[in-house]
């Protein structure tokens, strides 16, 4: 059973920073990729950033230069460092993973991020 457990969300003022964590219950090399999505209030879920098993990284244009995705292989954990946060970054952030040879996509429970003055 694959579990993804997120942490690190909260409330912050514009310009502030937060770091999200996603701890996987299995070795992260079992996944083709791990990533972060977000769902702003009243909007659809959207990709934020992903990192593949080979270490290739992609970001949404809206977060390039501000967010950094990284992984700690020993802890089976992926992080999302979010700097210079803006009100439009307000959303529930979800960890996502695609397990090798498994048709299912795995999601964490979500962690809310609110950026407001």
Protein backbone atom coordinates (compact mmCIF):
# COMPACT_ATOMS: atom_id res chain seq x y z
CA UNK A 1 0.00 0.00 0.00
CA UNK A 2 1.45 3.31 -1.11
CA UNK A 3 0.92 6.28 1.17
CA UNK A 4 1.96 9.88 0.61
CA UNK A 5 1.84 12.13 3.66
CA UNK A 6 2.18 15.87 3.21
CA UNK A 7 3.09 18.46 5.79
CA UNK A 8 4.26 22.05 5.99
CA UNK A 9 1.28 24.06 4.82
CA UNK A 10 0.00 27.13 6.63
CA UNK A 11 -0.65 30.85 6.41
CA UNK A 12 1.96 33.35 5.35
CA UNK A 13 2.13 36.96 4.23
CA UNK A 14 2.98 37.88 0.65
CA UNK A 15 6.71 37.59 0.08
CA UNK A 16 7.04 34.89 2.69
CA UNK A 17 8.26 31.32 2.39
CA UNK A 18 7.04 27.83 3.22
CA UNK A 19 8.47 24.37 2.70
CA UNK A 20 6.15 21.46 1.99
CA UNK A 21 7.17 17.86 2.58
CA UNK A 22 5.80 14.65 1.08
CA UNK A 23 6.90 11.44 2.75
CA UNK A 24 6.35 8.23 0.78
CA UNK A 25 5.76 4.85 2.41
CA UNK A 26 8.00 3.13 -0.14
CA UNK A 27 11.34 3.78 -1.84
CA UNK A 28 10.91 6.81 -4.07
CA UNK A 29 12.78 5.07 -6.89
CA UNK A 30 9.65 2.91 -7.16
CA UNK A 31 8.00 5.89 -8.84
CA UNK A 32 8.39 7.15 -12.38
CA UNK A 33 7.99 10.61 -10.91
CA UNK A 34 6.80 12.47 -7.84
CA UNK A 35 5.30 15.89 -7.95
CA UNK A 36 3.22 18.65 -6.48
CA UNK A 37 -0.15 19.85 -7.71
CA UNK A 38 -2.36 22.55 -6.29
CA UNK A 39 -6.03 23.43 -6.38
CA UNK A 40 -6.90 27.08 -5.83
CA UNK A 41 -10.35 27.89 -4.41
CA UNK A 42 -13.00 27.38 -7.08
CA UNK A 43 -10.49 26.26 -9.69
CA UNK A 44 -9.18 23.04 -11.16
CA UNK A 45 -6.14 21.19 -9.89
CA UNK A 46 -2.95 22.21 -11.67
CA UNK A 47 0.62 21.00 -11.90
CA UNK A 48 3.20 22.89 -9.85
CA UNK A 49 6.39 20.85 -10.19
CA UNK A 50 7.56 17.30 -10.78
CA UNK A 51 10.82 15.39 -10.42
CA UNK A 52 11.39 12.14 -12.31
CA UNK A 53 13.23 9.08 -11.04
CA UNK A 54 16.20 10.23 -13.12
CA UNK A 55 16.13 13.63 -11.45
CA UNK A 56 14.65 15.66 -14.30
CA UNK A 57 12.57 18.56 -13.06
CA UNK A 58 9.75 20.59 -14.56
CA UNK A 59 7.93 23.61 -13.16
CA UNK A 60 4.78 25.45 -14.02
CA UNK A 61 5.61 28.82 -15.56
CA UNK A 62 3.82 30.61 -12.74
CA UNK A 63 6.27 29.29 -10.11
CA UNK A 64 9.57 29.26 -11.99
CA UNK A 65 12.26 31.13 -10.10
CA UNK A 66 10.26 31.06 -6.86
CA UNK A 67 9.62 27.37 -6.08
CA UNK A 68 12.16 24.56 -5.87
CA UNK A 69 11.37 20.85 -5.83
CA UNK A 70 13.92 18.51 -4.29
CA UNK A 71 14.13 15.05 -2.83
CA UNK A 72 15.82 13.27 0.06
CA UNK A 73 16.34 9.71 -1.11
CA UNK A 74 17.31 8.41 2.32
CA UNK A 75 14.04 9.73 3.78
CA UNK A 76 11.87 8.84 0.77
CA UNK A 77 10.69 12.43 0.87
CA UNK A 78 10.10 15.13 -1.73
CA UNK A 79 10.07 18.80 -0.78
CA UNK A 80 8.65 21.95 -2.30
CA UNK A 81 10.43 25.09 -1.17
CA UNK A 82 8.19 28.06 -1.91
CA UNK A 83 9.70 31.54 -1.77
CA UNK A 84 8.30 34.97 -2.56
CA UNK A 85 4.78 33.67 -2.13
CA UNK A 86 1.92 35.57 -3.73
CA UNK A 87 -1.80 35.64 -2.94
CA UNK A 88 -2.43 33.68 -6.14
CA UNK A 89 -0.39 30.81 -4.69
CA UNK A 90 -3.22 30.23 -2.21
CA UNK A 91 -4.42 26.65 -2.74
CA UNK A 92 -4.53 23.17 -1.33
CA UNK A 93 -1.27 21.51 -2.33
CA UNK A 94 -1.22 17.80 -3.13
CA UNK A 95 1.66 15.39 -3.48
CA UNK A 96 1.33 13.00 -6.41
CA UNK A 97 3.26 9.93 -7.53
CA UNK A 98 3.18 7.53 -10.45
CA UNK A 99 4.40 4.08 -9.40
CA UNK A 100 6.26 1.94 -11.90
CA UNK A 101 4.11 -0.84 -13.41
CA UNK A 102 1.07 0.35 -11.46
CA UNK A 103 -1.92 1.87 -13.30
CA UNK A 104 -2.95 3.92 -10.28
CA UNK A 105 -1.86 7.45 -9.49
CA UNK A 106 -1.28 8.12 -5.82
CA UNK A 107 -2.24 11.32 -4.02
CA UNK A 108 -1.62 12.69 -0.59
CA UNK A 109 -4.38 14.14 1.56
CA UNK A 110 -3.49 17.73 0.70
CA UNK A 111 -2.08 20.56 2.76
CA UNK A 112 -3.53 24.09 2.60
CA UNK A 113 -1.43 27.16 1.86
CA UNK A 114 -2.87 30.63 2.37
CA UNK A 115 -1.01 33.75 1.29
CA UNK A 116 -2.65 36.88 2.62
CA UNK A 117 -1.80 40.15 4.25
